[in-house]
N, C-alpha and C. Protein backbone atom coordinates (compact mmCIF):
# COMPACT_ATOMS: atom_id res chain seq x y z
N MET A 1 -37.82 3.19 21.00
CA MET A 1 -37.60 2.63 19.73
C MET A 1 -36.42 3.25 19.09
N LYS A 2 -36.59 4.72 19.08
CA LYS A 2 -35.56 5.45 18.43
C LYS A 2 -34.26 5.49 18.98
N ARG A 3 -34.15 5.53 20.48
CA ARG A 3 -33.03 5.51 21.34
C ARG A 3 -32.37 4.08 21.00
N LYS A 4 -33.03 2.98 20.71
CA LYS A 4 -32.29 1.85 20.47
C LYS A 4 -31.68 1.83 19.18
N ARG A 5 -32.29 2.29 18.12
CA ARG A 5 -31.63 2.45 16.94
C ARG A 5 -30.36 3.07 16.88
N ILE A 6 -30.35 4.24 17.56
CA ILE A 6 -29.26 5.28 17.73
C ILE A 6 -28.08 4.58 18.41
N LYS A 7 -28.38 3.69 19.47
CA LYS A 7 -27.50 2.78 19.98
C LYS A 7 -26.65 1.68 19.22
N ILE A 8 -27.62 1.14 18.59
CA ILE A 8 -27.29 0.20 17.44
C ILE A 8 -26.23 0.81 16.61
N PHE A 9 -26.66 1.87 15.99
CA PHE A 9 -25.83 2.66 14.86
C PHE A 9 -24.50 3.14 15.50
N PHE A 10 -24.50 3.60 16.72
CA PHE A 10 -23.08 4.02 17.22
C PHE A 10 -22.22 2.99 17.54
N THR A 11 -22.88 1.80 18.08
CA THR A 11 -22.06 0.55 18.53
C THR A 11 -21.62 -0.27 17.16
N ILE A 12 -22.18 0.07 16.17
CA ILE A 12 -21.77 -0.59 14.80
C ILE A 12 -20.51 0.46 14.36
N ILE A 13 -20.78 1.59 14.41
CA ILE A 13 -19.66 2.67 14.22
C ILE A 13 -18.38 2.34 14.79
N ILE A 14 -18.54 2.32 16.25
CA ILE A 14 -17.42 2.00 17.04
C ILE A 14 -16.79 0.65 16.67
N ILE A 15 -17.52 -0.31 16.53
CA ILE A 15 -16.70 -1.74 16.20
C ILE A 15 -16.23 -1.45 14.83
N LEU A 16 -16.61 -0.85 13.78
CA LEU A 16 -16.09 -0.69 12.50
C LEU A 16 -14.83 0.18 12.70
N PHE A 17 -14.81 1.42 13.59
CA PHE A 17 -13.47 1.91 13.79
C PHE A 17 -12.26 1.32 14.52
N LEU A 18 -12.63 0.38 15.41
CA LEU A 18 -11.96 -0.43 16.05
C LEU A 18 -11.24 -1.48 15.28
N THR A 19 -12.20 -2.12 14.38
CA THR A 19 -11.59 -3.18 13.50
C THR A 19 -10.75 -2.48 12.53
N LEU A 20 -11.25 -1.34 11.73
CA LEU A 20 -10.22 -0.74 10.88
C LEU A 20 -8.84 -0.41 11.34
N SER A 21 -8.85 0.16 12.61
CA SER A 21 -7.63 0.58 13.27
C SER A 21 -6.56 -0.50 13.59
N LEU A 22 -7.27 -1.59 14.09
CA LEU A 22 -6.60 -2.71 14.48
C LEU A 22 -6.10 -3.72 13.42
N SER A 23 -6.69 -3.60 12.14
CA SER A 23 -6.35 -4.57 11.28
C SER A 23 -5.48 -3.72 10.14
N ARG A 24 -4.70 -2.94 10.31
CA ARG A 24 -3.84 -2.35 9.43
C ARG A 24 -2.84 -3.28 9.04
N PRO A 25 -2.52 -3.60 7.63
CA PRO A 25 -1.57 -4.63 7.37
C PRO A 25 -0.11 -4.00 7.62
N SER A 26 0.85 -5.18 7.72
CA SER A 26 2.35 -4.60 8.08
C SER A 26 3.11 -4.41 6.68
N PRO A 27 4.36 -4.01 6.66
CA PRO A 27 5.10 -3.91 5.72
C PRO A 27 5.62 -5.25 5.10
N GLN A 28 5.40 -6.28 5.95
CA GLN A 28 5.70 -7.75 5.45
C GLN A 28 4.55 -8.24 4.77
N THR A 29 3.26 -7.77 4.93
CA THR A 29 2.14 -8.12 4.19
C THR A 29 2.21 -7.46 2.96
N PHE A 30 2.72 -5.96 3.00
CA PHE A 30 2.83 -5.36 1.66
C PHE A 30 3.79 -6.22 0.58
N ASN A 31 4.84 -6.68 1.13
CA ASN A 31 5.80 -7.64 0.23
C ASN A 31 5.22 -8.64 -0.22
N LYS A 32 4.36 -9.40 0.78
CA LYS A 32 3.64 -10.74 0.16
C LYS A 32 2.72 -10.27 -0.80
N TRP A 33 1.99 -9.09 -0.61
CA TRP A 33 1.02 -8.63 -1.65
C TRP A 33 1.61 -8.19 -2.87
N LEU A 34 2.84 -7.78 -2.94
CA LEU A 34 3.62 -7.39 -4.33
C LEU A 34 3.79 -8.80 -5.02
N VAL A 35 4.05 -9.84 -4.22
CA VAL A 35 4.50 -11.11 -4.99
C VAL A 35 3.25 -11.60 -5.63
N ASP A 36 2.02 -11.61 -4.81
CA ASP A 36 0.80 -12.29 -5.24
C ASP A 36 0.26 -11.38 -6.34
N LYS A 37 0.26 -10.21 -6.21
CA LYS A 37 -0.40 -9.29 -7.15
C LYS A 37 0.36 -8.99 -8.33
N TYR A 38 1.61 -8.68 -8.32
CA TYR A 38 2.31 -8.06 -9.48
C TYR A 38 3.61 -8.96 -9.77
N ASP A 39 3.73 -10.05 -9.00
CA ASP A 39 5.03 -10.97 -9.22
C ASP A 39 6.55 -10.43 -9.00
N ILE A 40 6.43 -9.38 -7.98
CA ILE A 40 7.56 -8.65 -7.66
C ILE A 40 8.03 -9.24 -6.31
N GLU A 41 9.22 -9.68 -6.17
CA GLU A 41 9.68 -10.25 -5.10
C GLU A 41 10.82 -9.36 -4.50
N CYS A 42 10.77 -8.82 -3.28
CA CYS A 42 11.63 -7.89 -2.83
C CYS A 42 12.41 -8.22 -1.54
N ILE A 43 13.80 -8.31 -1.55
CA ILE A 43 14.51 -8.57 -0.28
C ILE A 43 15.58 -7.43 -0.06
N GLY A 44 15.23 -6.63 1.04
CA GLY A 44 16.06 -5.51 1.17
C GLY A 44 15.59 -4.42 0.28
N ASP A 45 16.67 -3.82 -0.45
CA ASP A 45 16.63 -2.84 -1.44
C ASP A 45 16.63 -3.33 -2.91
N LYS A 46 16.68 -4.70 -3.05
CA LYS A 46 16.60 -5.27 -4.35
C LYS A 46 15.45 -5.84 -4.67
N CYS A 47 14.73 -5.90 -5.93
CA CYS A 47 13.52 -6.55 -6.21
C CYS A 47 13.79 -7.46 -7.48
N LEU A 48 12.98 -8.49 -7.75
CA LEU A 48 13.01 -9.29 -8.96
C LEU A 48 11.69 -8.87 -9.54
N TYR A 49 11.70 -8.30 -10.58
CA TYR A 49 10.43 -7.85 -11.37
C TYR A 49 10.57 -8.28 -12.84
N MET A 50 9.71 -9.10 -13.38
CA MET A 50 9.69 -9.27 -14.69
C MET A 50 11.10 -10.04 -15.23
N ASN A 51 11.86 -10.78 -14.39
CA ASN A 51 13.12 -11.51 -14.48
C ASN A 51 14.08 -10.39 -14.89
N TYR A 52 14.10 -9.28 -14.15
CA TYR A 52 15.01 -8.11 -14.21
C TYR A 52 15.37 -7.79 -12.64
N GLN A 53 16.58 -7.58 -12.45
CA GLN A 53 16.87 -6.96 -11.08
C GLN A 53 16.63 -5.61 -11.08
N GLU A 54 15.98 -5.16 -9.98
CA GLU A 54 15.87 -3.68 -9.97
C GLU A 54 15.93 -3.11 -8.49
N LYS A 55 16.16 -1.97 -8.03
CA LYS A 55 16.39 -1.53 -6.83
C LYS A 55 15.25 -0.76 -6.58
N ILE A 56 15.16 -0.71 -5.14
CA ILE A 56 14.25 0.25 -4.74
C ILE A 56 14.70 1.68 -4.37
N VAL A 57 14.30 2.67 -5.14
CA VAL A 57 14.83 4.11 -5.22
C VAL A 57 13.92 4.71 -3.87
N HIS A 58 12.68 4.46 -3.62
CA HIS A 58 12.13 5.21 -2.50
C HIS A 58 10.89 4.27 -2.03
N ARG A 59 10.77 4.31 -0.75
CA ARG A 59 9.61 3.43 0.02
C ARG A 59 8.93 4.37 0.79
N THR A 60 7.55 4.27 0.59
CA THR A 60 6.55 5.30 1.48
C THR A 60 5.87 4.33 2.37
N ILE A 61 5.72 4.81 3.51
CA ILE A 61 4.81 4.31 4.44
C ILE A 61 4.02 5.37 4.99
N LYS A 62 2.67 5.35 4.82
CA LYS A 62 1.86 6.53 5.60
C LYS A 62 0.84 5.85 6.22
N ASP A 63 0.83 5.93 7.72
CA ASP A 63 -0.02 5.52 8.48
C ASP A 63 -1.13 6.39 8.91
N TYR A 64 -2.39 6.26 8.54
CA TYR A 64 -3.57 7.08 9.00
C TYR A 64 -4.25 6.29 10.18
N ILE A 65 -5.27 7.02 10.59
CA ILE A 65 -6.02 6.28 11.77
C ILE A 65 -6.66 5.13 11.51
N LEU A 66 -7.46 4.93 10.26
CA LEU A 66 -8.02 3.72 10.04
C LEU A 66 -7.32 2.74 8.82
N ILE A 67 -6.53 3.41 8.14
CA ILE A 67 -5.94 2.69 6.85
C ILE A 67 -4.41 3.03 6.84
N ASN A 68 -3.75 2.49 6.04
CA ASN A 68 -2.51 2.86 5.68
C ASN A 68 -2.10 2.78 4.43
N LYS A 69 -1.05 3.48 3.84
CA LYS A 69 -0.65 3.52 2.41
C LYS A 69 0.84 3.06 2.26
N MET A 70 0.95 2.25 1.64
CA MET A 70 2.42 1.92 1.18
C MET A 70 2.77 1.86 -0.20
N GLY A 71 3.98 2.27 -0.39
CA GLY A 71 4.29 2.09 -1.91
C GLY A 71 5.92 2.09 -2.12
N ILE A 72 6.28 1.75 -3.42
CA ILE A 72 7.70 1.51 -3.74
C ILE A 72 7.84 2.21 -5.05
N ILE A 73 9.22 2.64 -5.22
CA ILE A 73 9.49 3.16 -6.62
C ILE A 73 10.44 2.37 -7.09
N LEU A 74 10.54 1.46 -8.01
CA LEU A 74 11.56 0.62 -8.50
C LEU A 74 12.12 1.16 -9.80
N GLU A 75 13.72 1.08 -9.83
CA GLU A 75 14.32 1.59 -10.87
C GLU A 75 15.26 0.57 -11.47
N ASP A 76 15.22 0.26 -12.94
CA ASP A 76 16.00 -0.76 -13.50
C ASP A 76 17.20 -0.34 -13.87
N GLU A 77 18.04 -1.10 -14.56
CA GLU A 77 19.52 -0.81 -14.87
C GLU A 77 19.40 0.40 -16.11
N GLU A 78 18.40 0.43 -16.70
CA GLU A 78 18.50 1.60 -17.82
C GLU A 78 17.80 2.77 -17.28
N GLY A 79 17.31 2.97 -16.01
CA GLY A 79 16.88 4.28 -15.40
C GLY A 79 15.37 4.45 -15.53
N ARG A 80 14.58 3.41 -15.94
CA ARG A 80 13.09 3.27 -15.94
C ARG A 80 12.54 3.17 -14.65
N ARG A 81 11.57 3.74 -14.30
CA ARG A 81 10.99 3.69 -12.96
C ARG A 81 9.62 2.91 -13.02
N THR A 82 9.20 2.49 -12.05
CA THR A 82 7.95 1.89 -11.98
C THR A 82 7.56 2.17 -10.40
N LEU A 83 6.27 2.82 -10.33
CA LEU A 83 5.57 3.25 -9.15
C LEU A 83 4.52 2.16 -8.75
N ILE A 84 4.62 1.66 -7.49
CA ILE A 84 3.52 0.71 -7.00
C ILE A 84 3.14 1.09 -5.64
N GLU A 85 1.82 1.46 -5.46
CA GLU A 85 1.26 1.80 -4.17
C GLU A 85 -0.07 1.04 -3.90
N GLY A 86 -0.35 0.80 -2.61
CA GLY A 86 -1.38 0.02 -2.10
C GLY A 86 -1.95 0.73 -0.99
N ILE A 87 -3.24 0.64 -0.94
CA ILE A 87 -4.07 1.02 0.34
C ILE A 87 -4.34 -0.22 1.33
N GLY A 88 -3.76 0.01 2.48
CA GLY A 88 -3.97 -1.10 3.32
C GLY A 88 -5.11 -1.07 4.17
N ILE A 89 -6.34 -1.94 4.12
CA ILE A 89 -7.33 -1.99 4.91
C ILE A 89 -7.86 -3.47 5.12
N PHE A 90 -8.35 -3.81 6.41
CA PHE A 90 -8.79 -5.01 6.64
C PHE A 90 -7.71 -5.97 6.69
N GLY A 91 -6.35 -5.84 6.79
CA GLY A 91 -5.29 -6.81 6.78
C GLY A 91 -4.76 -7.09 5.39
N THR A 92 -5.21 -6.52 4.48
CA THR A 92 -4.80 -6.61 3.23
C THR A 92 -4.64 -5.46 2.52
N PHE A 93 -4.11 -5.62 1.17
CA PHE A 93 -3.90 -4.32 0.38
C PHE A 93 -4.77 -4.27 -0.90
N ILE A 94 -5.15 -3.13 -1.12
CA ILE A 94 -5.99 -2.78 -2.53
C ILE A 94 -5.12 -1.88 -3.48
N PRO A 95 -5.05 -2.28 -4.78
CA PRO A 95 -4.22 -1.45 -5.49
C PRO A 95 -4.55 -0.10 -5.77
N PHE A 96 -3.74 0.85 -5.50
CA PHE A 96 -4.07 2.33 -5.72
C PHE A 96 -3.18 2.81 -6.96
N THR A 97 -1.88 2.66 -7.09
CA THR A 97 -1.28 3.02 -8.14
C THR A 97 -0.38 1.90 -8.76
N PHE A 98 -0.45 1.80 -10.10
CA PHE A 98 0.55 0.99 -10.72
C PHE A 98 1.07 1.72 -12.01
N ASN A 99 2.26 2.42 -11.85
CA ASN A 99 2.50 3.14 -13.06
C ASN A 99 3.96 2.80 -13.58
N PRO A 100 3.85 1.85 -14.50
CA PRO A 100 5.35 1.41 -15.11
C PRO A 100 6.17 2.58 -15.78
N GLY A 101 5.68 3.55 -16.23
CA GLY A 101 6.55 4.73 -16.76
C GLY A 101 6.47 5.92 -15.87
N TYR A 102 6.65 5.74 -14.68
CA TYR A 102 6.57 6.69 -13.64
C TYR A 102 8.12 7.53 -13.87
N SER A 103 7.68 9.00 -13.42
CA SER A 103 8.82 9.84 -13.78
C SER A 103 8.70 10.74 -12.72
N PRO A 104 9.67 11.04 -11.77
CA PRO A 104 9.49 11.91 -10.48
C PRO A 104 9.45 13.36 -10.94
N PHE A 105 9.94 13.73 -12.15
CA PHE A 105 9.92 15.04 -12.71
C PHE A 105 8.67 15.55 -13.27
N ILE A 106 7.64 14.64 -13.51
CA ILE A 106 6.32 15.02 -14.25
C ILE A 106 5.51 14.80 -12.89
N ASP A 107 5.68 14.30 -11.90
CA ASP A 107 4.70 13.94 -10.71
C ASP A 107 5.15 14.92 -9.68
N ILE A 108 4.64 16.15 -9.44
CA ILE A 108 5.19 17.18 -8.66
C ILE A 108 4.79 16.95 -7.28
N TYR A 109 3.67 15.96 -7.04
CA TYR A 109 3.33 15.79 -5.80
C TYR A 109 3.88 14.81 -4.96
N LYS A 110 4.87 13.99 -5.49
CA LYS A 110 5.67 13.08 -4.81
C LYS A 110 6.80 13.33 -4.00
N TYR A 111 7.61 14.40 -4.45
CA TYR A 111 8.73 14.91 -3.80
C TYR A 111 8.63 16.36 -3.42
């Protein structure tokens, strides 16, 4: 009976790892998530956010074994920056960081 439980446990773990690794979302899914969650529409390096034209200063894509993390830094015409990051898991994104007053000089871990 104990061996059967161990087999079931390892089978579940293997299925979970395979599902997580095969269902990481793409950058196109990230752009769709930005539209749905934050009403930010990006085409190339230009984004429309709160009826203002902003440019993408930095884009990050970090792929891990089971998940991925994607983010963008937007800059408006006055130099204000916004950082948005999401964790990609099971084909969608979960908000990780939304910082409208982002400053790369204060955040020493980004660059």
